[in-house]
Amino acid sequence: MENHNVFAGAFVDRSGERRKDVDWLDEALQDADTRFVPVWGDHCLVGGDPLQLMLLERHQIESFLDENNQIFLGLFRGKPAFAVTISAGGKPPYAELGEFQNLRYLGSVLPADEANLAAHARGLALWHASQLFCGNCGSSARPNTGGNSRLCLNTACGREIFPRVDPAIIVLVTDGDRCLLGRQAGWPEGRYSTIAGFVETGESLEDAVRREVYEETNVRVSTVRYHSSQPWPFPAALMLGFVAQADTSGGEEIVMNDGELEDARWFTRKELRSGFPKLPFRISIARRLVDGWIDSETTS
């Protein structure tokens, strides 16, 4: 498999043309080869040794199926795959098969294709739970197009609602043999990470990088280079990774202008290899940005 960020990779053939084919979806739901991903609240079922995502057959999920909780994900390993949302409450089901785990943990233990499928399933499950009503008229909405959209039940409105994705930039700012990292007050002691923030209305990605870095640290950046992206369904972000060159010609001091960070400072490669600061979680694009810079032989 290619070197993707965790949760990324086109491992699922999303088969968008089949989402409106009601007959095909009905047949797929009955097909013995179809597999189902149960999502209990916001957790996915894993089992086995080594751990794997549990892909259930129809007879195993039958008792939980109804017309409002099935989400067609696409073709996974050549077979139709559906997420099935299960309300969290009481003891989790399928204790005999494994246990439900949160996605942050699963990203560190599952194969890349299964982590991608779990993120897809969980993201859509959370979106459905947050979109029970039409934002236009306030009427109830139901799943549509195989669970890939929702439809307002008010015939006078009839709005089709699509899943929301929130773009956020995440950037490693470098200046010679040092890089800029910050920390939020609620993080574990000693942990620092790259600068990040949501893209605002009417703003390009490059402009968002420059604005966020300045707002959070008072540092200006010049060159901005795209690195890679990572779906981050916590609950609906898409992290867009960049590397940027600091413009320190004016000698600006680090100042937390907007108060979002508790601290920000420059670190050398030697310092980052020493064990302090604690670096971002390995499943995150932030960690990939930092590790890539540490391992590079040339400075930006």
C-alpha atoms as a PDB file:
ATOM      1  CA  MET A   1       0.000   0.000   0.000  1.00  0.00           C
ATOM      2  CA  GLU A   2       1.142   3.567  -0.661  1.00  0.00           C
ATOM      3  CA  ASN A   3       2.403   5.855   2.072  1.00  0.00           C
ATOM      4  CA  HIS A   4      -0.815   7.689   2.958  1.00  0.00           C
ATOM      5  CA  ASN A   5      -1.656   9.746   5.989  1.00  0.00           C
ATOM      6  CA  VAL A   6      -3.661   7.699   8.472  1.00  0.00           C
ATOM      7  CA  PHE A   7      -7.391   7.520   7.529  1.00  0.00           C
ATOM      8  CA  ALA A   8      -6.568   8.582   3.942  1.00  0.00           C
ATOM      9  CA  GLY A   9      -6.198   6.523   0.769  1.00  0.00           C
ATOM     10  CA  ALA A  10      -8.726   5.621  -1.915  1.00  0.00           C
ATOM     11  CA  PHE A  11      -9.337   2.130  -0.575  1.00  0.00           C
ATOM     12  CA  VAL A  12     -13.118   2.305  -1.013  1.00  0.00           C
ATOM     13  CA  ASP A  13     -14.687   2.499  -4.459  1.00  0.00           C
ATOM     14  CA  ARG A  14     -17.402   4.934  -3.407  1.00  0.00           C
ATOM     15  CA  SER A  15     -19.522   4.059  -6.472  1.00  0.00           C
ATOM     16  CA  GLY A  16     -21.399   7.354  -6.410  1.00  0.00           C
ATOM     17  CA  GLU A  17     -23.462   6.359  -9.424  1.00  0.00           C
ATOM     18  CA  ARG A  18     -25.122   3.609  -7.378  1.00  0.00           C
ATOM     19  CA  ARG A  19     -26.323   5.849  -4.549  1.00  0.00           C
ATOM     20  CA  LYS A  20     -29.532   6.758  -6.386  1.00  0.00           C
ATOM     21  CA  ASP A  21     -30.114   3.252  -7.746  1.00  0.00           C
ATOM     22  CA  VAL A  22     -32.696   2.041  -5.232  1.00  0.00           C
ATOM     23  CA  ASP A  23     -33.011  -1.413  -6.800  1.00  0.00           C
ATOM     24  CA  TRP A  24     -29.260  -1.983  -6.741  1.00  0.00           C
ATOM     25  CA  LEU A  25     -29.028  -0.849  -3.124  1.00  0.00           C
ATOM     26  CA  ASP A  26     -31.888  -3.156  -2.101  1.00  0.00           C
ATOM     27  CA  GLU A  27     -30.202  -6.107  -3.807  1.00  0.00           C
ATOM     28  CA  ALA A  28     -26.861  -5.237  -2.225  1.00  0.00           C
ATOM     29  CA  LEU A  29     -28.447  -5.173   1.233  1.00  0.00           C
ATOM     30  CA  GLN A  30     -29.596  -8.753   0.695  1.00  0.00           C
ATOM     31  CA  ASP A  31     -26.417 -10.014  -0.975  1.00  0.00           C
ATOM     32  CA  ALA A  32     -24.520 -12.673   0.967  1.00  0.00           C
ATOM     33  CA  ASP A  33     -21.232 -11.036  -0.007  1.00  0.00           C
ATOM     34  CA  THR A  34     -22.181  -7.632   1.420  1.00  0.00           C
ATOM     35  CA  ARG A  35     -20.400  -6.566   4.589  1.00  0.00           C
ATOM     36  CA  PHE A  36     -21.634  -4.241   7.342  1.00  0.00           C
ATOM     37  CA  VAL A  37     -19.648  -1.929   9.616  1.00  0.00           C
ATOM     38  CA  PRO A  38     -21.493  -1.388  12.911  1.00  0.00           C
ATOM     39  CA  VAL A  39     -20.953   2.055  14.449  1.00  0.00           C
ATOM     40  CA  TRP A  40     -22.053   2.123  18.083  1.00  0.00           C
ATOM     41  CA  GLY A  41     -22.349   5.800  18.958  1.00  0.00           C
ATOM     42  CA  ASP A  42     -19.030   6.935  17.515  1.00  0.00           C
ATOM     43  CA  HIS A  43     -17.060   3.709  18.065  1.00  0.00           C
ATOM     44  CA  CYS A  44     -16.285   0.913  15.594  1.00  0.00           C
ATOM     45  CA  LEU A  45     -16.124  -2.822  16.297  1.00  0.00           C
ATOM     46  CA  VAL A  46     -12.748  -4.566  16.199  1.00  0.00           C
ATOM     47  CA  GLY A  47     -11.619  -8.044  17.147  1.00  0.00           C
ATOM     48  CA  GLY A  48      -8.993 -10.705  16.530  1.00  0.00           C
ATOM     49  CA  ASP A  49      -5.253 -10.784  17.014  1.00  0.00           C
ATOM     50  CA  PRO A  50      -3.911  -8.690  15.430  1.00  0.00           C
ATOM     51  CA  LEU A  51      -6.908  -6.386  15.679  1.00  0.00           C
ATOM     52  CA  GLN A  52      -9.030  -5.974  12.578  1.00  0.00           C
ATOM     53  CA  LEU A  53     -12.199  -4.112  11.754  1.00  0.00           C
ATOM     54  CA  MET A  54     -15.142  -6.469  12.125  1.00  0.00           C
ATOM     55  CA  LEU A  55     -17.065  -6.648   8.842  1.00  0.00           C
ATOM     56  CA  LEU A  56     -20.330  -8.388   9.607  1.00  0.00           C
ATOM     57  CA  GLU A  57     -22.596 -10.451   7.391  1.00  0.00           C
ATOM     58  CA  ARG A  58     -26.306  -9.713   6.950  1.00  0.00           C
ATOM     59  CA  HIS A  59     -27.485 -12.321   9.450  1.00  0.00           C
ATOM     60  CA  GLN A  60     -25.203 -10.865  12.122  1.00  0.00           C
ATOM     61  CA  ILE A  61     -26.547  -7.320  11.773  1.00  0.00           C
ATOM     62  CA  GLU A  62     -30.184  -8.128  10.891  1.00  0.00           C
ATOM     63  CA  SER A  63     -31.689  -7.206  14.251  1.00  0.00           C
ATOM     64  CA  PHE A  64     -30.257  -3.665  14.061  1.00  0.00           C
ATOM     65  CA  LEU A  65     -31.217  -2.822  10.485  1.00  0.00           C
ATOM     66  CA  ASP A  66     -33.906  -0.278   9.675  1.00  0.00           C
ATOM     67  CA  GLU A  67     -34.414   2.087   6.766  1.00  0.00           C
ATOM     68  CA  ASN A  68     -32.928   5.034   8.646  1.00  0.00           C
ATOM     69  CA  ASN A  69     -29.586   3.632   9.791  1.00  0.00           C
ATOM     70  CA  GLN A  70     -28.008   2.109   6.676  1.00  0.00           C
ATOM     71  CA  ILE A  71     -25.242   4.025   4.899  1.00  0.00           C
ATOM     72  CA  PHE A  72     -23.811   2.778   1.624  1.00  0.00           C
ATOM     73  CA  LEU A  73     -20.051   3.303   1.796  1.00  0.00           C
ATOM     74  CA  GLY A  74     -19.122   1.777  -1.565  1.00  0.00           C
ATOM     75  CA  LEU A  75     -17.230  -1.330  -2.605  1.00  0.00           C
ATOM     76  CA  PHE A  76     -14.580  -2.469  -0.149  1.00  0.00           C
ATOM     77  CA  ARG A  77     -12.288  -5.252  -1.308  1.00  0.00           C
ATOM     78  CA  GLY A  78     -14.714  -5.720  -4.174  1.00  0.00           C
ATOM     79  CA  LYS A  79     -17.785  -6.246  -1.971  1.00  0.00           C
ATOM     80  CA  PRO A  80     -20.620  -3.820  -1.134  1.00  0.00           C
ATOM     81  CA  ALA A  81     -20.099  -2.244   2.274  1.00  0.00           C
ATOM     82  CA  PHE A  82     -22.645  -0.457   4.473  1.00  0.00           C
ATOM     83  CA  ALA A  83     -22.274   1.302   7.800  1.00  0.00           C
ATOM     84  CA  VAL A  84     -25.033   0.611  10.298  1.00  0.00           C
ATOM     85  CA  THR A  85     -25.519   3.173  13.059  1.00  0.00           C
ATOM     86  CA  ILE A  86     -26.437   1.788  16.485  1.00  0.00           C
ATOM     87  CA  SER A  87     -27.503   4.088  19.321  1.00  0.00           C
ATOM     88  CA  ALA A  88     -25.080   3.970  22.221  1.00  0.00           C
ATOM     89  CA  GLY A  89     -26.743   3.010  25.459  1.00  0.00           C
ATOM     90  CA  GLY A  90     -26.421   0.160  27.888  1.00  0.00           C
ATOM     91  CA  LYS A  91     -23.893  -2.550  27.137  1.00  0.00           C
ATOM     92  CA  PRO A  92     -22.360  -2.497  23.656  1.00  0.00           C
ATOM     93  CA  PRO A  93     -23.444  -5.368  21.389  1.00  0.00           C
ATOM     94  CA  TYR A  94     -21.224  -8.039  19.829  1.00  0.00           C
ATOM     95  CA  ALA A  95     -19.145  -8.663  22.941  1.00  0.00           C
ATOM     96  CA  GLU A  96     -18.564 -12.199  21.643  1.00  0.00           C
ATOM     97  CA  LEU A  97     -16.869 -10.811  18.507  1.00  0.00           C
ATOM     98  CA  GLY A  98     -14.747  -8.037  19.952  1.00  0.00           C
ATOM     99  CA  GLU A  99     -15.120  -4.566  21.377  1.00  0.00           C
ATOM    100  CA  PHE A 100     -16.027  -1.096  20.176  1.00  0.00           C
ATOM    101  CA  GLN A 101     -13.066   1.279  20.143  1.00  0.00           C
ATOM    102  CA  ASN A 102     -12.613   4.966  19.362  1.00  0.00           C
ATOM    103  CA  LEU A 103     -11.184   5.994  16.033  1.00  0.00           C
ATOM    104  CA  ARG A 104      -8.041   7.673  17.395  1.00  0.00           C
ATOM    105  CA  TYR A 105      -6.967   4.328  18.817  1.00  0.00           C
ATOM    106  CA  LEU A 106      -8.005   2.402  15.721  1.00  0.00           C
ATOM    107  CA  GLY A 107      -5.914   4.662  13.516  1.00  0.00           C
ATOM    108  CA  SER A 108      -2.813   3.405  15.303  1.00  0.00           C
ATOM    109  CA  VAL A 109      -3.555  -0.346  15.084  1.00  0.00           C
ATOM    110  CA  LEU A 110      -5.670  -1.107  11.994  1.00  0.00           C
ATOM    111  CA  PRO A 111      -4.356  -1.738   8.476  1.00  0.00           C
ATOM    112  CA  ALA A 112      -4.514   1.388   6.318  1.00  0.00           C
ATOM    113  CA  ASP A 113      -7.531   0.275   4.287  1.00  0.00           C
ATOM    114  CA  GLU A 114      -9.572  -0.662   7.362  1.00  0.00           C
ATOM    115  CA  ALA A 115      -8.687   2.591   9.119  1.00  0.00           C
ATOM    116  CA  ASN A 116      -9.884   4.440   6.012  1.00  0.00           C
ATOM    117  CA  LEU A 117     -13.180   2.514   5.988  1.00  0.00           C
ATOM    118  CA  ALA A 118     -13.724   3.076   9.721  1.00  0.00           C
ATOM    119  CA  ALA A 119     -13.140   6.820   9.364  1.00  0.00           C
ATOM    120  CA  HIS A 120     -15.581   6.943   6.450  1.00  0.00           C
ATOM    121  CA  ALA A 121     -18.251   5.047   8.393  1.00  0.00           C
ATOM    122  CA  ARG A 122     -17.830   6.990  11.632  1.00  0.00           C
ATOM    123  CA  GLY A 123     -17.783  10.344   9.885  1.00  0.00           C
ATOM    124  CA  LEU A 124     -21.091   9.725   8.109  1.00  0.00           C
ATOM    125  CA  ALA A 125     -22.653   8.238  11.249  1.00  0.00           C
ATOM    126  CA  LEU A 126     -21.854  11.386  13.236  1.00  0.00           C
ATOM    127  CA  TRP A 127     -23.094  13.616  10.434  1.00  0.00           C
ATOM    128  CA  HIS A 128     -26.477  11.860  10.321  1.00  0.00           C
ATOM    129  CA  ALA A 129     -26.842  12.208  14.085  1.00  0.00           C
ATOM    130  CA  SER A 130     -26.282  15.968  13.796  1.00  0.00           C
ATOM    131  CA  GLN A 131     -28.649  16.553  10.864  1.00  0.00           C
ATOM    132  CA  LEU A 132     -31.999  15.222  12.057  1.00  0.00           C
ATOM    133  CA  PHE A 133     -33.724  18.426  10.981  1.00  0.00           C
ATOM    134  CA  CYS A 134     -33.585  20.649   7.921  1.00  0.00           C
ATOM    135  CA  GLY A 135     -31.557  23.798   8.499  1.00  0.00           C
ATOM    136  CA  ASN A 136     -33.732  25.667   6.019  1.00  0.00           C
ATOM    137  CA  CYS A 137     -37.252  25.112   7.401  1.00  0.00           C
ATOM    138  CA  GLY A 138     -36.729  23.092  10.596  1.00  0.00           C
ATOM    139  CA  SER A 139     -38.682  20.040   9.432  1.00  0.00           C
ATOM    140  CA  SER A 140     -37.493  16.481   9.982  1.00  0.00           C
ATOM    141  CA  ALA A 141     -35.099  15.014   7.449  1.00  0.00           C
ATOM    142  CA  ARG A 142     -34.511  11.405   6.423  1.00  0.00           C
ATOM    143  CA  PRO A 143     -31.550   9.565   4.857  1.00  0.00           C
ATOM    144  CA  ASN A 144     -31.345   9.770   1.079  1.00  0.00           C
ATOM    145  CA  THR A 145     -29.118   8.391  -1.709  1.00  0.00           C
ATOM    146  CA  GLY A 146     -28.090   5.369   0.288  1.00  0.00           C
ATOM    147  CA  GLY A 147     -27.351   7.444   3.363  1.00  0.00           C
ATOM    148  CA  ASN A 148     -24.989   9.820   1.556  1.00  0.00           C
ATOM    149  CA  SER A 149     -27.343  12.766   1.898  1.00  0.00           C
ATOM    150  CA  ARG A 150     -30.542  13.655   3.757  1.00  0.00           C
ATOM    151  CA  LEU A 151     -33.863  14.922   2.406  1.00  0.00           C
ATOM    152  CA  CYS A 152     -36.189  17.395   4.087  1.00  0.00           C
ATOM    153  CA  LEU A 153     -39.626  15.792   4.602  1.00  0.00           C
ATOM    154  CA  ASN A 154     -41.436  19.086   4.134  1.00  0.00           C
ATOM    155  CA  THR A 155     -42.700  18.870   0.534  1.00  0.00           C
ATOM    156  CA  ALA A 156     -42.789  22.657   0.313  1.00  0.00           C
ATOM    157  CA  CYS A 157     -39.048  22.692   1.043  1.00  0.00           C
ATOM    158  CA  GLY A 158     -37.645  19.325  -0.081  1.00  0.00           C
ATOM    159  CA  ARG A 159     -34.064  20.452   0.465  1.00  0.00           C
ATOM    160  CA  GLU A 160     -31.336  17.869  -0.057  1.00  0.00           C
ATOM    161  CA  ILE A 161     -28.668  18.115   2.649  1.00  0.00           C
ATOM    162  CA  PHE A 162     -25.125  16.915   2.033  1.00  0.00           C
ATOM    163  CA  PRO A 163     -22.384  15.954   4.501  1.00  0.00           C
ATOM    164  CA  ARG A 164     -20.306  18.844   5.766  1.00  0.00           C
ATOM    165  CA  VAL A 165     -16.524  18.879   5.617  1.00  0.00           C
ATOM    166  CA  ASP A 166     -14.655  21.617   7.507  1.00  0.00           C
ATOM    167  CA  PRO A 167     -11.323  22.558   5.858  1.00  0.00           C
ATOM    168  CA  ALA A 168      -8.515  23.306   8.291  1.00  0.00           C
ATOM    169  CA  ILE A 169      -4.914  24.178   7.562  1.00  0.00           C
ATOM    170  CA  ILE A 170      -2.064  22.658   9.544  1.00  0.00           C
ATOM    171  CA  VAL A 171       1.418  23.998   8.970  1.00  0.00           C
ATOM    172  CA  LEU A 172       5.019  23.397   9.973  1.00  0.00           C
ATOM    173  CA  VAL A 173       6.789  26.754   9.954  1.00  0.00           C
ATOM    174  CA  THR A 174      10.560  26.534   9.513  1.00  0.00           C
ATOM    175  CA  ASP A 175      13.422  29.011   9.772  1.00  0.00           C
ATOM    176  CA  GLY A 176      16.744  27.415   8.933  1.00  0.00           C
ATOM    177  CA  ASP A 177      17.507  24.659  11.454  1.00  0.00           C
ATOM    178  CA  ARG A 178      14.531  25.367  13.667  1.00  0.00           C
ATOM    179  CA  CYS A 179      10.769  24.985  13.458  1.00  0.00           C
ATOM    180  CA  LEU A 180       7.862  26.670  15.199  1.00  0.00           C
ATOM    181  CA  LEU A 181       5.607  24.635  17.497  1.00  0.00           C
ATOM    182  CA  GLY A 182       2.907  25.620  19.960  1.00  0.00           C
ATOM    183  CA  ARG A 183       0.810  24.070  22.695  1.00  0.00           C
ATOM    184  CA  GLN A 184      -2.705  24.511  24.013  1.00  0.00           C
ATOM    185  CA  ALA A 185      -3.388  24.649  27.729  1.00  0.00           C
ATOM    186  CA  GLY A 186      -5.476  21.467  27.789  1.00  0.00           C
ATOM    187  CA  TRP A 187      -2.851  19.238  26.172  1.00  0.00           C
ATOM    188  CA  PRO A 188      -0.722  16.701  28.085  1.00  0.00           C
ATOM    189  CA  GLU A 189       2.238  18.289  29.817  1.00  0.00           C
ATOM    190  CA  GLY A 190       5.126  18.955  27.494  1.00  0.00           C
ATOM    191  CA  ARG A 191       3.280  18.297  24.225  1.00  0.00           C
ATOM    192  CA  TYR A 192       3.795  20.716  21.342  1.00  0.00           C
ATOM    193  CA  SER A 193       2.428  20.572  17.808  1.00  0.00           C
ATOM    194  CA  THR A 194       2.232  22.428  14.532  1.00  0.00           C
ATOM    195  CA  ILE A 195       0.074  25.512  14.029  1.00  0.00           C
ATOM    196  CA  ALA A 196      -3.474  24.801  12.828  1.00  0.00           C
ATOM    197  CA  GLY A 197      -6.808  26.481  12.336  1.00  0.00           C
ATOM    198  CA  PHE A 198      -9.992  26.488  10.275  1.00  0.00           C
ATOM    199  CA  VAL A 199     -10.216  28.196   6.900  1.00  0.00           C
ATOM    200  CA  GLU A 200     -12.562  31.183   6.983  1.00  0.00           C
ATOM    201  CA  THR A 201     -15.196  32.220   4.438  1.00  0.00           C
ATOM    202  CA  GLY A 202     -13.728  33.808   1.317  1.00  0.00           C
ATOM    203  CA  GLU A 203     -10.183  32.780   2.217  1.00  0.00           C
ATOM    204  CA  SER A 204      -7.668  30.771   0.198  1.00  0.00           C
ATOM    205  CA  LEU A 205      -5.664  28.021   1.873  1.00  0.00           C
ATOM    206  CA  GLU A 206      -2.427  29.981   1.552  1.00  0.00           C
ATOM    207  CA  ASP A 207      -4.046  33.053   3.090  1.00  0.00           C
ATOM    208  CA  ALA A 208      -5.380  30.915   5.935  1.00  0.00           C
ATOM    209  CA  VAL A 209      -1.868  29.620   6.633  1.00  0.00           C
ATOM    210  CA  ARG A 210      -0.443  33.131   6.835  1.00  0.00           C
ATOM    211  CA  ARG A 211      -3.312  34.437   8.968  1.00  0.00           C
ATOM    212  CA  GLU A 212      -3.344  31.557  11.451  1.00  0.00           C
ATOM    213  CA  VAL A 213       0.412  31.610  12.001  1.00  0.00           C
ATOM    214  CA  TYR A 214       0.375  35.344  12.610  1.00  0.00           C
ATOM    215  CA  GLU A 215      -2.704  35.276  14.848  1.00  0.00           C
ATOM    216  CA  GLU A 216      -1.334  32.489  17.022  1.00  0.00           C
ATOM    217  CA  THR A 217       2.382  33.374  17.149  1.00  0.00           C
ATOM    218  CA  ASN A 218       2.989  36.844  15.624  1.00  0.00           C
ATOM    219  CA  VAL A 219       5.301  35.220  13.048  1.00  0.00           C
ATOM    220  CA  ARG A 220       4.998  36.172   9.372  1.00  0.00           C
ATOM    221  CA  VAL A 221       5.542  33.539   6.695  1.00  0.00           C
ATOM    222  CA  SER A 222       6.619  33.933   3.086  1.00  0.00           C
ATOM    223  CA  THR A 223       6.748  30.767   0.981  1.00  0.00           C
ATOM    224  CA  VAL A 224       3.852  28.352   1.576  1.00  0.00           C
ATOM    225  CA  ARG A 225       4.113  24.849   0.110  1.00  0.00           C
ATOM    226  CA  TYR A 226       1.377  22.203   0.119  1.00  0.00           C
ATOM    227  CA  HIS A 227       2.376  18.851   1.632  1.00  0.00           C
ATOM    228  CA  SER A 228      -0.610  16.473   1.895  1.00  0.00           C
ATOM    229  CA  SER A 229      -4.067  16.130   3.431  1.00  0.00           C
ATOM    230  CA  GLN A 230      -5.787  13.953   6.004  1.00  0.00           C
ATOM    231  CA  PRO A 231      -9.460  13.267   6.660  1.00  0.00           C
ATOM    232  CA  TRP A 232      -9.996  13.953  10.358  1.00  0.00           C
ATOM    233  CA  PRO A 233     -13.577  13.050  11.317  1.00  0.00           C
ATOM    234  CA  PHE A 234     -13.509  14.572  14.816  1.00  0.00           C
ATOM    235  CA  PRO A 235     -16.175  15.318  13.855  1.00  0.00           C
ATOM    236  CA  ALA A 236     -15.836  16.545  10.248  1.00  0.00           C
ATOM    237  CA  ALA A 237     -12.482  18.185   9.523  1.00  0.00           C
ATOM    238  CA  LEU A 238     -10.216  17.835   6.510  1.00  0.00           C
ATOM    239  CA  MET A 239      -6.660  18.703   7.510  1.00  0.00           C
ATOM    240  CA  LEU A 240      -4.682  20.382   4.722  1.00  0.00           C
ATOM    241  CA  GLY A 241      -0.994  20.159   5.493  1.00  0.00           C
ATOM    242  CA  PHE A 242       1.596  22.767   4.538  1.00  0.00           C
ATOM    243  CA  VAL A 243       5.233  23.654   5.124  1.00  0.00           C
ATOM    244  CA  ALA A 244       5.958  27.390   5.295  1.00  0.00           C
ATOM    245  CA  GLN A 245       9.096  29.488   5.460  1.00  0.00           C
ATOM    246  CA  ALA A 246       9.177  32.079   8.224  1.00  0.00           C
ATOM    247  CA  ASP A 247       9.986  35.654   7.331  1.00  0.00           C
ATOM    248  CA  THR A 248      12.042  36.719  10.329  1.00  0.00           C
ATOM    249  CA  SER A 249      13.743  39.651   8.618  1.00  0.00           C
ATOM    250  CA  GLY A 250      11.746  42.019  10.806  1.00  0.00           C
ATOM    251  CA  GLY A 251      12.820  40.209  13.949  1.00  0.00           C
ATOM    252  CA  GLU A 252       9.278  39.742  15.272  1.00  0.00           C
ATOM    253  CA  GLU A 253       9.063  38.154  18.707  1.00  0.00           C
ATOM    254  CA  ILE A 254       6.650  35.321  19.359  1.00  0.00           C
ATOM    255  CA  VAL A 255       3.407  36.697  20.774  1.00  0.00           C
ATOM    256  CA  MET A 256       0.194  34.688  21.255  1.00  0.00           C
ATOM    257  CA  ASN A 257      -1.975  37.326  19.584  1.00  0.00           C
ATOM    258  CA  ASP A 258      -5.329  35.527  19.786  1.00  0.00           C
ATOM    259  CA  GLY A 259      -4.767  33.650  23.044  1.00  0.00           C
ATOM    260  CA  GLU A 260      -5.459  30.211  21.549  1.00  0.00           C
ATOM    261  CA  LEU A 261      -2.027  28.903  22.507  1.00  0.00           C
ATOM    262  CA  GLU A 262      -0.522  28.670  25.959  1.00  0.00           C
ATOM    263  CA  ASP A 263       2.998  28.740  24.574  1.00  0.00           C
ATOM    264  CA  ALA A 264       4.873  28.761  21.266  1.00  0.00           C
ATOM    265  CA  ARG A 265       8.578  28.538  20.631  1.00  0.00           C
ATOM    266  CA  TRP A 266      11.271  27.573  18.143  1.00  0.00           C
ATOM    267  CA  PHE A 267      12.851  24.107  18.366  1.00  0.00           C
ATOM    268  CA  THR A 268      15.925  22.689  16.619  1.00  0.00           C
ATOM    269  CA  ARG A 269      16.137  19.163  15.211  1.00  0.00           C
ATOM    270  CA  LYS A 270      18.481  18.245  18.049  1.00  0.00           C
ATOM    271  CA  GLU A 271      15.942  19.395  20.626  1.00  0.00           C
ATOM    272  CA  LEU A 272      13.103  17.500  18.942  1.00  0.00           C
ATOM    273  CA  ARG A 273      15.182  14.310  18.956  1.00  0.00           C
ATOM    274  CA  SER A 274      15.952  14.723  22.664  1.00  0.00           C
ATOM    275  CA  GLY A 275      12.514  13.775  23.968  1.00  0.00           C
ATOM    276  CA  PHE A 276      11.298  17.305  24.708  1.00  0.00           C
ATOM    277  CA  PRO A 277       8.941  18.494  23.598  1.00  0.00           C
ATOM    278  CA  LYS A 278       6.556  15.572  23.328  1.00  0.00           C
ATOM    279  CA  LEU A 279       5.539  15.399  19.688  1.00  0.00           C
ATOM    280  CA  PRO A 280       2.030  15.035  18.204  1.00  0.00           C
ATOM    281  CA  PHE A 281       0.359  11.618  18.049  1.00  0.00           C
ATOM    282  CA  ARG A 282       1.814   9.365  15.362  1.00  0.00           C
ATOM    283  CA  ILE A 283      -1.482   8.998  13.503  1.00  0.00           C
ATOM    284  CA  SER A 284      -1.711  12.749  12.857  1.00  0.00           C
ATOM    285  CA  ILE A 285      -0.546  14.686   9.833  1.00  0.00           C
ATOM    286  CA  ALA A 286       1.120  17.050  12.323  1.00  0.00           C
ATOM    287  CA  ARG A 287       3.484  14.254  13.328  1.00  0.00           C
ATOM    288  CA  ARG A 288       4.202  13.407   9.711  1.00  0.00           C
ATOM    289  CA  LEU A 289       5.104  17.025   9.009  1.00  0.00           C
ATOM    290  CA  VAL A 290       7.435  17.177  12.007  1.00  0.00           C
ATOM    291  CA  ASP A 291       9.055  13.778  11.383  1.00  0.00           C
ATOM    292  CA  GLY A 292       9.610  14.613   7.730  1.00  0.00           C
ATOM    293  CA  TRP A 293      11.403  17.812   8.677  1.00  0.00           C
ATOM    294  CA  ILE A 294      13.510  16.132  11.380  1.00  0.00           C
ATOM    295  CA  ASP A 295      14.625  13.433   8.971  1.00  0.00           C
ATOM    296  CA  SER A 296      15.422  15.775   6.100  1.00  0.00           C
ATOM    297  CA  GLU A 297      19.087  16.485   5.480  1.00  0.00           C
ATOM    298  CA  THR A 298      18.581  19.969   4.118  1.00  0.00           C
ATOM    299  CA  THR A 299      17.018  22.897   5.915  1.00  0.00           C
ATOM    300  CA  SER A 300      14.132  24.884   4.476  1.00  0.00           C
END
